[in-house]
Each structure stands twice: as C-alpha cells, then as structure tokens.
Amino acid sequence: MCRNIKTLYNFAPPATDDEVRAASLQFVRKLSGYNTPSKTNEAAFNTAIDEVFAAARKLIDSLETNAPPKDREEEAAKAKARSAERFGRPAEA
C-alpha cells in the first residue's frame, strides 16, 4: 500500500470528505503511475478518483465497531515515535 494513505476509519472526529478524496487521489496515482496525467488520460484519471472516493466513503460509513474511536493527535504522536525509533532520529516535541 502507498505509505501516504492513512487509516481513516474509527477516528474522532470522523474522516472528512477531503481526507477520503486525498487518499483516493494517492491510490489512483499509485495504480496509474501518474502524479499528474496527460490531457489524454485526465478524464479517466479524474473519473477513477471519483469512483474510488465513492467506494471508500461508502465503506467507511458502513463499517461498524465496538471499539472506541481513536484520537488523531495521539495516533500521530505514536507514528512519529515509531518513525524516530525506526530511522534513529529523535522525536520532535
């Protein structure tokens, strides 16, 4: 999976449409190999983003869990600490 695509489910506050669309864009970029498509492929690229967005939004909205929602800031701090440990850099405060 593309490392830039983050888990969006079960967070407080819930994932916004902008976050889901950004993940959809990253996914389509990864699949297509294009960062920016040519004019010839632009319509297909944008259609794919819209379709992936719709499927992702539907998925996130239909999932159910008994687990309490995760805190975004707390999860970001954990990720930063894991990165610091992995790459040998001190975590930023």
PDB file of N, CA and C in Angstrom:
ATOM      1  N   MET A   1       0.848  -1.176   0.000  1.00  0.00           N
ATOM      2  CA  MET A   1       0.000   0.000   0.000  1.00  0.00           C
ATOM      3  C   MET A   1       0.893   1.238   0.000  1.00  0.00           C
ATOM      4  N   CYS A   2       0.391   2.277  -0.584  1.00  0.00           N
ATOM      5  CA  CYS A   2       1.097   3.552  -0.591  1.00  0.00           C
ATOM      6  C   CYS A   2       1.235   4.054   0.841  1.00  0.00           C
ATOM      7  N   ARG A   3       2.423   4.439   1.217  1.00  0.00           N
ATOM      8  CA  ARG A   3       2.655   4.877   2.592  1.00  0.00           C
ATOM      9  C   ARG A   3       1.939   6.173   2.934  1.00  0.00           C
ATOM     10  N   ASN A   4       1.539   6.936   1.936  1.00  0.00           N
ATOM     11  CA  ASN A   4       0.856   8.201   2.202  1.00  0.00           C
ATOM     12  C   ASN A   4      -0.624   8.033   2.508  1.00  0.00           C
ATOM     13  N   ILE A   5      -1.158   6.846   2.270  1.00  0.00           N
ATOM     14  CA  ILE A   5      -2.563   6.610   2.552  1.00  0.00           C
ATOM     15  C   ILE A   5      -2.676   6.163   4.001  1.00  0.00           C
ATOM     16  N   LYS A   6      -3.403   6.933   4.771  1.00  0.00           N
ATOM     17  CA  LYS A   6      -3.554   6.678   6.204  1.00  0.00           C
ATOM     18  C   LYS A   6      -4.881   5.994   6.492  1.00  0.00           C
ATOM     19  N   THR A   7      -4.921   5.265   7.602  1.00  0.00           N
ATOM     20  CA  THR A   7      -6.175   4.684   8.053  1.00  0.00           C
ATOM     21  C   THR A   7      -7.128   5.827   8.391  1.00  0.00           C
ATOM     22  N   LEU A   8      -8.354   5.733   7.892  1.00  0.00           N
ATOM     23  CA  LEU A   8      -9.324   6.805   8.096  1.00  0.00           C
ATOM     24  C   LEU A   8     -10.517   6.376   8.935  1.00  0.00           C
ATOM     25  N   TYR A   9     -10.617   5.103   9.234  1.00  0.00           N
ATOM     26  CA  TYR A   9     -11.781   4.595   9.942  1.00  0.00           C
ATOM     27  C   TYR A   9     -11.590   4.623  11.458  1.00  0.00           C
ATOM     28  N   ASN A  10     -12.658   4.899  12.160  1.00  0.00           N
ATOM     29  CA  ASN A  10     -12.755   4.849  13.616  1.00  0.00           C
ATOM     30  C   ASN A  10     -11.869   5.891  14.304  1.00  0.00           C
ATOM     31  N   PHE A  11     -11.963   7.114  13.836  1.00  0.00           N
ATOM     32  CA  PHE A  11     -11.270   8.227  14.469  1.00  0.00           C
ATOM     33  C   PHE A  11     -12.284   9.249  14.951  1.00  0.00           C
ATOM     34  N   ALA A  12     -11.910   9.980  15.958  1.00  0.00           N
ATOM     35  CA  ALA A  12     -12.718  11.091  16.441  1.00  0.00           C
ATOM     36  C   ALA A  12     -11.908  12.358  16.233  1.00  0.00           C
ATOM     37  N   PRO A  13     -12.385  13.297  15.474  1.00  0.00           N
ATOM     38  CA  PRO A  13     -13.610  13.289  14.675  1.00  0.00           C
ATOM     39  C   PRO A  13     -13.456  12.371  13.458  1.00  0.00           C
ATOM     40  N   PRO A  14     -14.584  11.960  12.856  1.00  0.00           N
ATOM     41  CA  PRO A  14     -14.547  11.060  11.693  1.00  0.00           C
ATOM     42  C   PRO A  14     -13.815  11.688  10.503  1.00  0.00           C
ATOM     43  N   ALA A  15     -13.387  10.837   9.596  1.00  0.00           N
ATOM     44  CA  ALA A  15     -12.689  11.293   8.394  1.00  0.00           C
ATOM     45  C   ALA A  15     -13.579  12.228   7.584  1.00  0.00           C
ATOM     46  N   THR A  16     -12.977  13.296   7.097  1.00  0.00           N
ATOM     47  CA  THR A  16     -13.707  14.246   6.269  1.00  0.00           C
ATOM     48  C   THR A  16     -13.689  13.784   4.812  1.00  0.00           C
ATOM     49  N   ASP A  17     -14.570  14.359   4.000  1.00  0.00           N
ATOM     50  CA  ASP A  17     -14.558  14.052   2.577  1.00  0.00           C
ATOM     51  C   ASP A  17     -13.225  14.432   1.950  1.00  0.00           C
ATOM     52  N   ASP A  18     -12.618  15.523   2.415  1.00  0.00           N
ATOM     53  CA  ASP A  18     -11.310  15.934   1.881  1.00  0.00           C
ATOM     54  C   ASP A  18     -10.246  14.879   2.150  1.00  0.00           C
ATOM     55  N   GLU A  19     -10.263  14.279   3.335  1.00  0.00           N
ATOM     56  CA  GLU A  19      -9.295  13.234   3.663  1.00  0.00           C
ATOM     57  C   GLU A  19      -9.518  11.986   2.817  1.00  0.00           C
ATOM     58  N   VAL A  20     -10.765  11.615   2.617  1.00  0.00           N
ATOM     59  CA  VAL A  20     -11.072  10.440   1.804  1.00  0.00           C
ATOM     60  C   VAL A  20     -10.696  10.706   0.348  1.00  0.00           C
ATOM     61  N   ARG A  21     -10.967  11.913  -0.142  1.00  0.00           N
ATOM     62  CA  ARG A  21     -10.600  12.252  -1.522  1.00  0.00           C
ATOM     63  C   ARG A  21      -9.078  12.257  -1.697  1.00  0.00           C
ATOM     64  N   ALA A  22      -8.344  12.760  -0.716  1.00  0.00           N
ATOM     65  CA  ALA A  22      -6.877  12.768  -0.796  1.00  0.00           C
ATOM     66  C   ALA A  22      -6.334  11.335  -0.844  1.00  0.00           C
ATOM     67  N   ALA A  23      -6.906  10.442  -0.050  1.00  0.00           N
ATOM     68  CA  ALA A  23      -6.497   9.036  -0.079  1.00  0.00           C
ATOM     69  C   ALA A  23      -6.836   8.412  -1.425  1.00  0.00           C
ATOM     70  N   SER A  24      -7.984   8.777  -1.987  1.00  0.00           N
ATOM     71  CA  SER A  24      -8.394   8.264  -3.294  1.00  0.00           C
ATOM     72  C   SER A  24      -7.422   8.724  -4.375  1.00  0.00           C
ATOM     73  N   LEU A  25      -7.032   9.975  -4.310  1.00  0.00           N
ATOM     74  CA  LEU A  25      -6.061  10.513  -5.267  1.00  0.00           C
ATOM     75  C   LEU A  25      -4.740   9.752  -5.170  1.00  0.00           C
ATOM     76  N   GLN A  26      -4.246   9.517  -3.953  1.00  0.00           N
ATOM     77  CA  GLN A  26      -2.989   8.787  -3.770  1.00  0.00           C
ATOM     78  C   GLN A  26      -3.096   7.371  -4.327  1.00  0.00           C
ATOM     79  N   PHE A  27      -4.243   6.725  -4.089  1.00  0.00           N
ATOM     80  CA  PHE A  27      -4.452   5.372  -4.578  1.00  0.00           C
ATOM     81  C   PHE A  27      -4.432   5.337  -6.105  1.00  0.00           C
ATOM     82  N   VAL A  28      -5.135   6.255  -6.749  1.00  0.00           N
ATOM     83  CA  VAL A  28      -5.175   6.294  -8.211  1.00  0.00           C
ATOM     84  C   VAL A  28      -3.794   6.639  -8.771  1.00  0.00           C
ATOM     85  N   ARG A  29      -3.079   7.543  -8.123  1.00  0.00           N
ATOM     86  CA  ARG A  29      -1.707   7.854  -8.559  1.00  0.00           C
ATOM     87  C   ARG A  29      -0.826   6.613  -8.508  1.00  0.00           C
ATOM     88  N   LYS A  30      -0.951   5.854  -7.427  1.00  0.00           N
ATOM     89  CA  LYS A  30      -0.136   4.655  -7.267  1.00  0.00           C
ATOM     90  C   LYS A  30      -0.474   3.627  -8.342  1.00  0.00           C
ATOM     91  N   LEU A  31      -1.770   3.403  -8.571  1.00  0.00           N
ATOM     92  CA  LEU A  31      -2.175   2.412  -9.569  1.00  0.00           C
ATOM     93  C   LEU A  31      -1.779   2.811 -10.984  1.00  0.00           C
ATOM     94  N   SER A  32      -1.958   4.083 -11.301  1.00  0.00           N
ATOM     95  CA  SER A  32      -1.729   4.537 -12.677  1.00  0.00           C
ATOM     96  C   SER A  32      -0.263   4.821 -12.977  1.00  0.00           C
ATOM     97  N   GLY A  33       0.499   5.133 -11.947  1.00  0.00           N
ATOM     98  CA  GLY A  33       1.886   5.526 -12.181  1.00  0.00           C
ATOM     99  C   GLY A  33       2.028   6.991 -12.550  1.00  0.00           C
ATOM    100  N   TYR A  34       0.928   7.717 -12.553  1.00  0.00           N
ATOM    101  CA  TYR A  34       0.948   9.143 -12.878  1.00  0.00           C
ATOM    102  C   TYR A  34       0.810   9.980 -11.618  1.00  0.00           C
ATOM    103  N   ASN A  35       1.639  11.003 -11.506  1.00  0.00           N
ATOM    104  CA  ASN A  35       1.417  12.012 -10.481  1.00  0.00           C
ATOM    105  C   ASN A  35       0.383  12.996 -11.016  1.00  0.00           C
ATOM    106  N   THR A  36       0.574  13.383 -12.260  1.00  0.00           N
ATOM    107  CA  THR A  36      -0.371  14.217 -12.997  1.00  0.00           C
ATOM    108  C   THR A  36      -0.548  13.573 -14.364  1.00  0.00           C
ATOM    109  N   PRO A  37      -1.752  13.205 -14.741  1.00  0.00           N
ATOM    110  CA  PRO A  37      -1.946  12.529 -16.021  1.00  0.00           C
ATOM    111  C   PRO A  37      -1.830  13.492 -17.204  1.00  0.00           C
ATOM    112  N   SER A  38      -1.599  12.923 -18.373  1.00  0.00           N
ATOM    113  CA  SER A  38      -1.600  13.724 -19.594  1.00  0.00           C
ATOM    114  C   SER A  38      -3.030  14.182 -19.869  1.00  0.00           C
ATOM    115  N   LYS A  39      -3.173  15.160 -20.748  1.00  0.00           N
ATOM    116  CA  LYS A  39      -4.511  15.650 -21.120  1.00  0.00           C
ATOM    117  C   LYS A  39      -5.372  14.506 -21.660  1.00  0.00           C
ATOM    118  N   THR A  40      -4.747  13.589 -22.387  1.00  0.00           N
ATOM    119  CA  THR A  40      -5.469  12.459 -22.963  1.00  0.00           C
ATOM    120  C   THR A  40      -6.066  11.571 -21.877  1.00  0.00           C
ATOM    121  N   ASN A  41      -5.347  11.396 -20.775  1.00  0.00           N
ATOM    122  CA  ASN A  41      -5.781  10.500 -19.706  1.00  0.00           C
ATOM    123  C   ASN A  41      -6.447  11.207 -18.528  1.00  0.00           C
ATOM    124  N   GLU A  42      -6.542  12.518 -18.600  1.00  0.00           N
ATOM    125  CA  GLU A  42      -7.054  13.289 -17.474  1.00  0.00           C
ATOM    126  C   GLU A  42      -8.492  12.908 -17.093  1.00  0.00           C
ATOM    127  N   ALA A  43      -9.363  12.729 -18.057  1.00  0.00           N
ATOM    128  CA  ALA A  43     -10.762  12.395 -17.753  1.00  0.00           C
ATOM    129  C   ALA A  43     -10.856  11.030 -17.071  1.00  0.00           C
ATOM    130  N   ALA A  44     -10.125  10.048 -17.571  1.00  0.00           N
ATOM    131  CA  ALA A  44     -10.136   8.708 -16.966  1.00  0.00           C
ATOM    132  C   ALA A  44      -9.563   8.753 -15.551  1.00  0.00           C
ATOM    133  N   PHE A  45      -8.508   9.524 -15.365  1.00  0.00           N
ATOM    134  CA  PHE A  45      -7.863   9.680 -14.061  1.00  0.00           C
ATOM    135  C   PHE A  45      -8.843  10.293 -13.057  1.00  0.00           C
ATOM    136  N   ASN A  46      -9.513  11.377 -13.450  1.00  0.00           N
ATOM    137  CA  ASN A  46     -10.459  12.046 -12.554  1.00  0.00           C
ATOM    138  C   ASN A  46     -11.693  11.184 -12.265  1.00  0.00           C
ATOM    139  N   THR A  47     -12.140  10.434 -13.263  1.00  0.00           N
ATOM    140  CA  THR A  47     -13.257   9.517 -13.047  1.00  0.00           C
ATOM    141  C   THR A  47     -12.871   8.446 -12.042  1.00  0.00           C
ATOM    142  N   ALA A  48     -11.669   7.926 -12.169  1.00  0.00           N
ATOM    143  CA  ALA A  48     -11.200   6.901 -11.229  1.00  0.00           C
ATOM    144  C   ALA A  48     -11.143   7.457  -9.804  1.00  0.00           C
ATOM    145  N   ILE A  49     -10.667   8.683  -9.646  1.00  0.00           N
ATOM    146  CA  ILE A  49     -10.620   9.300  -8.317  1.00  0.00           C
ATOM    147  C   ILE A  49     -12.029   9.393  -7.737  1.00  0.00           C
ATOM    148  N   ASP A  50     -12.987   9.846  -8.547  1.00  0.00           N
ATOM    149  CA  ASP A  50     -14.371   9.973  -8.084  1.00  0.00           C
ATOM    150  C   ASP A  50     -14.959   8.620  -7.685  1.00  0.00           C
ATOM    151  N   GLU A  51     -14.684   7.594  -8.475  1.00  0.00           N
ATOM    152  CA  GLU A  51     -15.218   6.267  -8.181  1.00  0.00           C
ATOM    153  C   GLU A  51     -14.579   5.650  -6.935  1.00  0.00           C
ATOM    154  N   VAL A  52     -13.280   5.821  -6.785  1.00  0.00           N
ATOM    155  CA  VAL A  52     -12.595   5.314  -5.591  1.00  0.00           C
ATOM    156  C   VAL A  52     -13.088   6.080  -4.366  1.00  0.00           C
ATOM    157  N   PHE A  53     -13.258   7.392  -4.493  1.00  0.00           N
ATOM    158  CA  PHE A  53     -13.785   8.193  -3.389  1.00  0.00           C
ATOM    159  C   PHE A  53     -15.156   7.677  -2.951  1.00  0.00           C
ATOM    160  N   ALA A  54     -16.048   7.446  -3.916  1.00  0.00           N
ATOM    161  CA  ALA A  54     -17.399   6.984  -3.590  1.00  0.00           C
ATOM    162  C   ALA A  54     -17.359   5.627  -2.882  1.00  0.00           C
ATOM    163  N   ALA A  55     -16.535   4.720  -3.372  1.00  0.00           N
ATOM    164  CA  ALA A  55     -16.431   3.400  -2.755  1.00  0.00           C
ATOM    165  C   ALA A  55     -15.824   3.500  -1.357  1.00  0.00           C
ATOM    166  N   ALA A  56     -14.791   4.323  -1.197  1.00  0.00           N
ATOM    167  CA  ALA A  56     -14.144   4.476   0.107  1.00  0.00           C
ATOM    168  C   ALA A  56     -15.070   5.130   1.121  1.00  0.00           C
ATOM    169  N   ARG A  57     -15.779   6.158   0.704  1.00  0.00           N
ATOM    170  CA  ARG A  57     -16.712   6.839   1.603  1.00  0.00           C
ATOM    171  C   ARG A  57     -17.811   5.872   2.044  1.00  0.00           C
ATOM    172  N   LYS A  58     -18.350   5.095   1.079  1.00  0.00           N
ATOM    173  CA  LYS A  58     -19.382   4.113   1.391  1.00  0.00           C
ATOM    174  C   LYS A  58     -18.854   3.076   2.381  1.00  0.00           C
ATOM    175  N   LEU A  59     -17.643   2.599   2.171  1.00  0.00           N
ATOM    176  CA  LEU A  59     -17.033   1.625   3.070  1.00  0.00           C
ATOM    177  C   LEU A  59     -16.882   2.187   4.475  1.00  0.00           C
ATOM    178  N   ILE A  60     -16.274   3.348   4.591  1.00  0.00           N
ATOM    179  CA  ILE A  60     -16.033   3.956   5.907  1.00  0.00           C
ATOM    180  C   ILE A  60     -17.347   4.200   6.638  1.00  0.00           C
ATOM    181  N   ASP A  61     -18.353   4.663   5.905  1.00  0.00           N
ATOM    182  CA  ASP A  61     -19.645   4.959   6.525  1.00  0.00           C
ATOM    183  C   ASP A  61     -20.419   3.708   6.932  1.00  0.00           C
ATOM    184  N   SER A  62     -20.135   2.577   6.309  1.00  0.00           N
ATOM    185  CA  SER A  62     -20.900   1.370   6.612  1.00  0.00           C
ATOM    186  C   SER A  62     -20.217   0.445   7.618  1.00  0.00           C
ATOM    187  N   LEU A  63     -18.947   0.675   7.914  1.00  0.00           N
ATOM    188  CA  LEU A  63     -18.241  -0.172   8.880  1.00  0.00           C
ATOM    189  C   LEU A  63     -18.778   0.060  10.286  1.00  0.00           C
ATOM    190  N   GLU A  64     -18.755  -0.998  11.088  1.00  0.00           N
ATOM    191  CA  GLU A  64     -19.207  -0.907  12.471  1.00  0.00           C
ATOM    192  C   GLU A  64     -18.149  -1.502  13.386  1.00  0.00           C
ATOM    193  N   THR A  65     -18.043  -0.951  14.590  1.00  0.00           N
ATOM    194  CA  THR A  65     -17.111  -1.464  15.575  1.00  0.00           C
ATOM    195  C   THR A  65     -17.619  -1.158  16.971  1.00  0.00           C
ATOM    196  N   ASN A  66     -17.186  -1.949  17.917  1.00  0.00           N
ATOM    197  CA  ASN A  66     -17.475  -1.693  19.327  1.00  0.00           C
ATOM    198  C   ASN A  66     -16.306  -0.969  19.994  1.00  0.00           C
ATOM    199  N   ALA A  67     -15.199  -0.861  19.272  1.00  0.00           N
ATOM    200  CA  ALA A  67     -14.011  -0.197  19.812  1.00  0.00           C
ATOM    201  C   ALA A  67     -14.243   1.304  19.893  1.00  0.00           C
ATOM    202  N   PRO A  68     -13.712   1.932  20.915  1.00  0.00           N
ATOM    203  CA  PRO A  68     -13.857   3.390  20.993  1.00  0.00           C
ATOM    204  C   PRO A  68     -13.038   4.054  19.884  1.00  0.00           C
ATOM    205  N   PRO A  69     -13.486   5.207  19.395  1.00  0.00           N
ATOM    206  CA  PRO A  69     -12.727   5.915  18.352  1.00  0.00           C
ATOM    207  C   PRO A  69     -11.341   6.304  18.851  1.00  0.00           C
ATOM    208  N   LYS A  70     -10.375   6.261  17.918  1.00  0.00           N
ATOM    209  CA  LYS A  70      -9.001   6.643  18.243  1.00  0.00           C
ATOM    210  C   LYS A  70      -8.866   8.163  18.153  1.00  0.00           C
ATOM    211  N   ASP A  71      -7.971   8.684  18.955  1.00  0.00           N
ATOM    212  CA  ASP A  71      -7.689  10.111  18.958  1.00  0.00           C
ATOM    213  C   ASP A  71      -6.631  10.401  17.892  1.00  0.00           C
ATOM    214  N   ARG A  72      -6.910  11.324  17.000  1.00  0.00           N
ATOM    215  CA  ARG A  72      -5.986  11.626  15.900  1.00  0.00           C
ATOM    216  C   ARG A  72      -4.619  12.105  16.385  1.00  0.00           C
ATOM    217  N   GLU A  73      -4.617  12.994  17.347  1.00  0.00           N
ATOM    218  CA  GLU A  73      -3.346  13.540  17.837  1.00  0.00           C
ATOM    219  C   GLU A  73      -2.510  12.469  18.520  1.00  0.00           C
ATOM    220  N   GLU A  74      -3.160  11.618  19.289  1.00  0.00           N
ATOM    221  CA  GLU A  74      -2.454  10.535  19.978  1.00  0.00           C
ATOM    222  C   GLU A  74      -1.853   9.556  18.966  1.00  0.00           C
ATOM    223  N   GLU A  75      -2.609   9.206  17.941  1.00  0.00           N
ATOM    224  CA  GLU A  75      -2.113   8.289  16.909  1.00  0.00           C
ATOM    225  C   GLU A  75      -0.971   8.922  16.113  1.00  0.00           C
ATOM    226  N   ALA A  76      -1.050  10.226  15.854  1.00  0.00           N
ATOM    227  CA  ALA A  76       0.029  10.924  15.144  1.00  0.00           C
ATOM    228  C   ALA A  76       1.305  10.918  15.972  1.00  0.00           C
ATOM    229  N   ALA A  77       1.184  11.104  17.285  1.00  0.00           N
ATOM    230  CA  ALA A  77       2.353  11.085  18.170  1.00  0.00           C
ATOM    231  C   ALA A  77       2.983   9.695  18.194  1.00  0.00           C
ATOM    232  N   LYS A  78       2.154   8.660  18.213  1.00  0.00           N
ATOM    233  CA  LYS A  78       2.678   7.289  18.181  1.00  0.00           C
ATOM    234  C   LYS A  78       3.431   7.030  16.878  1.00  0.00           C
ATOM    235  N   ALA A  79       2.866   7.477  15.763  1.00  0.00           N
ATOM    236  CA  ALA A  79       3.516   7.290  14.465  1.00  0.00           C
ATOM    237  C   ALA A  79       4.844   8.022  14.408  1.00  0.00           C
ATOM    238  N   LYS A  80       4.884   9.219  14.960  1.00  0.00           N
ATOM    239  CA  LYS A  80       6.125   9.996  14.979  1.00  0.00           C
ATOM    240  C   LYS A  80       7.185   9.287  15.817  1.00  0.00           C
ATOM    241  N   ALA A  81       6.784   8.717  16.946  1.00  0.00           N
ATOM    242  CA  ALA A  81       7.713   7.988  17.812  1.00  0.00           C
ATOM    243  C   ALA A  81       8.230   6.727  17.113  1.00  0.00           C
ATOM    244  N   ARG A  82       7.344   6.003  16.409  1.00  0.00           N
ATOM    245  CA  ARG A  82       7.777   4.812  15.664  1.00  0.00           C
ATOM    246  C   ARG A  82       8.774   5.188  14.579  1.00  0.00           C
ATOM    247  N   SER A  83       8.522   6.296  13.895  1.00  0.00           N
ATOM    248  CA  SER A  83       9.425   6.756  12.845  1.00  0.00           C
ATOM    249  C   SER A  83      10.788   7.117  13.426  1.00  0.00           C
ATOM    250  N   ALA A  84      10.778   7.798  14.551  1.00  0.00           N
ATOM    251  CA  ALA A  84      12.040   8.185  15.194  1.00  0.00           C
ATOM    252  C   ALA A  84      12.832   6.952  15.594  1.00  0.00           C
ATOM    253  N   GLU A  85      12.145   5.947  16.109  1.00  0.00           N
ATOM    254  CA  GLU A  85      12.811   4.724  16.516  1.00  0.00           C
ATOM    255  C   GLU A  85      13.351   3.978  15.308  1.00  0.00           C
ATOM    256  N   ARG A  86      12.567   3.928  14.260  1.00  0.00           N
ATOM    257  CA  ARG A  86      12.948   3.202  13.058  1.00  0.00           C
ATOM    258  C   ARG A  86      14.126   3.848  12.340  1.00  0.00           C
ATOM    259  N   PHE A  87      14.107   5.169  12.248  1.00  0.00           N
ATOM    260  CA  PHE A  87      15.137   5.866  11.484  1.00  0.00           C
ATOM    261  C   PHE A  87      16.222   6.489  12.354  1.00  0.00           C
ATOM    262  N   GLY A  88      16.143   6.275  13.655  1.00  0.00           N
ATOM    263  CA  GLY A  88      17.199   6.734  14.545  1.00  0.00           C
ATOM    264  C   GLY A  88      17.254   8.230  14.765  1.00  0.00           C
ATOM    265  N   ARG A  89      16.136   8.893  14.578  1.00  0.00           N
ATOM    266  CA  ARG A  89      16.100  10.341  14.818  1.00  0.00           C
ATOM    267  C   ARG A  89      15.277  10.606  16.060  1.00  0.00           C
ATOM    268  N   PRO A  90      15.650  11.607  16.803  1.00  0.00           N
ATOM    269  CA  PRO A  90      14.845  11.921  17.991  1.00  0.00           C
ATOM    270  C   PRO A  90      13.469  12.430  17.576  1.00  0.00           C
ATOM    271  N   ALA A  91      12.465  12.044  18.342  1.00  0.00           N
ATOM    272  CA  ALA A  91      11.101  12.515  18.084  1.00  0.00           C
ATOM    273  C   ALA A  91      11.006  13.990  18.395  1.00  0.00           C
ATOM    274  N   GLU A  92      10.283  14.724  17.533  1.00  0.00           N
ATOM    275  CA  GLU A  92      10.097  16.154  17.775  1.00  0.00           C
ATOM    276  C   GLU A  92       9.000  16.361  18.789  1.00  0.00           C
ATOM    277  N   ALA A  93       9.155  17.371  19.596  1.00  0.00           N
ATOM    278  CA  ALA A  93       8.146  17.649  20.622  1.00  0.00           C
ATOM    279  C   ALA A  93       7.032  18.494  20.084  1.00  0.00           C
TER     280      ALA A  93
END
